[in-house]
Amino acid sequence: AFWFTESKGAYDGPVFGSSDKWVGLGVIFDSFDNDNKHNNPYIMAVVNDGTREFDHQNDGTTQLLAGCLRDFRNKPFPTRAKIEYFQNTLTVS
């Protein structure tokens, strides 16, 4: 996960190694299929205002701003991501 938050989260938290509630944006690379819908690996953008707990049961799908399926796990080569926020537009490639 990549976090762009108002304050530093807990390093041992339940949401991909960080806090369950945060103020800001999380770009999450989720490779485990919690909801058994075969919709992983998934890359998602999740915005939180600090009041909502991450919805683990549904792999965060009830809270995501945007996302896409992308097979990034167990490749025989390094995988990379570029995260850019420019002129009020978030791009993940």
Protein backbone atom coordinates (compact mmCIF):
# COMPACT_ATOMS: atom_id res chain seq x y z
CA ALA A 1 0.00 0.00 0.00
CA PHE A 2 1.00 3.60 -0.60
CA TRP A 3 -0.32 6.11 1.91
CA PHE A 4 -0.74 9.86 1.47
CA THR A 5 -2.23 10.88 4.80
CA GLU A 6 -2.57 13.79 7.16
CA SER A 7 -0.50 12.04 9.84
CA LYS A 8 1.69 8.95 10.15
CA GLY A 9 -0.24 5.73 10.72
CA ALA A 10 0.57 2.78 12.97
CA TYR A 11 3.15 0.43 11.45
CA ASP A 12 1.40 -2.60 12.91
CA GLY A 13 -2.17 -1.69 11.97
CA PRO A 14 -4.78 -4.00 10.43
CA VAL A 15 -5.01 -2.28 7.02
CA PHE A 16 -2.04 -3.40 4.94
CA GLY A 17 0.34 -2.52 7.77
CA SER A 18 -1.24 0.79 8.73
CA SER A 19 -4.09 2.27 10.76
CA ASP A 20 -7.71 1.25 10.25
CA LYS A 21 -8.85 4.88 10.14
CA TRP A 22 -6.88 7.58 8.36
CA VAL A 23 -7.39 11.00 6.82
CA GLY A 24 -6.20 10.95 3.24
CA LEU A 25 -5.62 8.53 0.39
CA GLY A 26 -4.50 4.93 0.31
CA VAL A 27 -3.41 3.29 -2.95
CA ILE A 28 -3.67 -0.39 -2.12
CA PHE A 29 -2.22 -3.33 -4.02
CA ASP A 30 -4.38 -6.20 -2.76
CA SER A 31 -3.33 -9.71 -3.72
CA PHE A 32 -5.52 -11.76 -1.34
CA ASP A 33 -9.11 -12.63 -2.25
CA ASN A 34 -10.95 -12.09 1.09
CA ASP A 35 -14.44 -12.12 -0.42
CA ASN A 36 -13.81 -15.17 -2.67
CA LYS A 37 -15.13 -13.37 -5.76
CA HIS A 38 -11.94 -14.07 -7.75
CA ASN A 39 -11.40 -10.35 -8.28
CA ASN A 40 -7.77 -10.14 -7.16
CA PRO A 41 -5.03 -9.04 -7.52
CA TYR A 42 -6.60 -5.59 -7.45
CA ILE A 43 -5.22 -2.07 -7.25
CA MET A 44 -7.53 0.44 -5.57
CA ALA A 45 -7.64 4.04 -4.42
CA VAL A 46 -9.43 4.53 -1.11
CA VAL A 47 -10.14 7.93 0.46
CA ASN A 48 -10.98 8.14 4.15
CA ASP A 49 -12.00 11.09 6.32
CA GLY A 50 -10.80 9.39 9.49
CA THR A 51 -14.21 8.10 10.59
CA ARG A 52 -14.54 4.90 8.54
CA GLU A 53 -12.93 1.53 9.20
CA PHE A 54 -11.61 -0.35 6.17
CA ASP A 55 -14.10 -2.96 4.93
CA HIS A 56 -11.92 -6.10 4.99
CA GLN A 57 -14.89 -8.44 4.53
CA ASN A 58 -15.53 -7.02 1.04
CA ASP A 59 -11.89 -6.32 0.12
CA GLY A 60 -12.60 -2.58 0.41
CA THR A 61 -14.93 -2.56 -2.62
CA THR A 62 -17.63 -0.67 -0.70
CA GLN A 63 -15.20 2.21 -0.10
CA LEU A 64 -13.01 2.46 -3.16
CA LEU A 65 -12.78 5.59 -5.23
CA ALA A 66 -11.47 3.73 -8.27
CA GLY A 67 -9.59 0.54 -9.06
CA CYS A 68 -8.57 -2.07 -11.57
CA LEU A 69 -7.64 -5.73 -11.85
CA ARG A 70 -3.93 -6.18 -12.53
CA ASP A 71 -1.87 -9.34 -12.10
CA PHE A 72 1.23 -8.06 -10.31
CA ARG A 73 2.04 -11.02 -8.07
CA ASN A 74 4.50 -13.90 -8.53
CA LYS A 75 6.03 -12.58 -11.73
CA PRO A 76 9.48 -13.78 -12.93
CA PHE A 77 10.48 -10.11 -13.23
CA PRO A 78 10.21 -7.04 -10.98
CA THR A 79 6.88 -5.23 -11.08
CA ARG A 80 6.74 -1.46 -10.72
CA ALA A 81 4.09 1.15 -10.17
CA LYS A 82 4.11 4.86 -10.86
CA ILE A 83 1.75 6.95 -8.74
CA GLU A 84 1.27 10.53 -9.87
CA TYR A 85 -1.01 13.30 -8.62
CA PHE A 86 -0.90 16.26 -10.99
CA GLN A 87 -3.43 19.01 -11.68
CA ASN A 88 -6.02 17.37 -9.45
CA THR A 89 -5.75 14.00 -11.26
CA LEU A 90 -4.49 10.76 -9.73
CA THR A 91 -2.82 8.33 -12.14
CA VAL A 92 -1.51 4.88 -11.25
CA SER A 93 0.43 3.08 -13.97
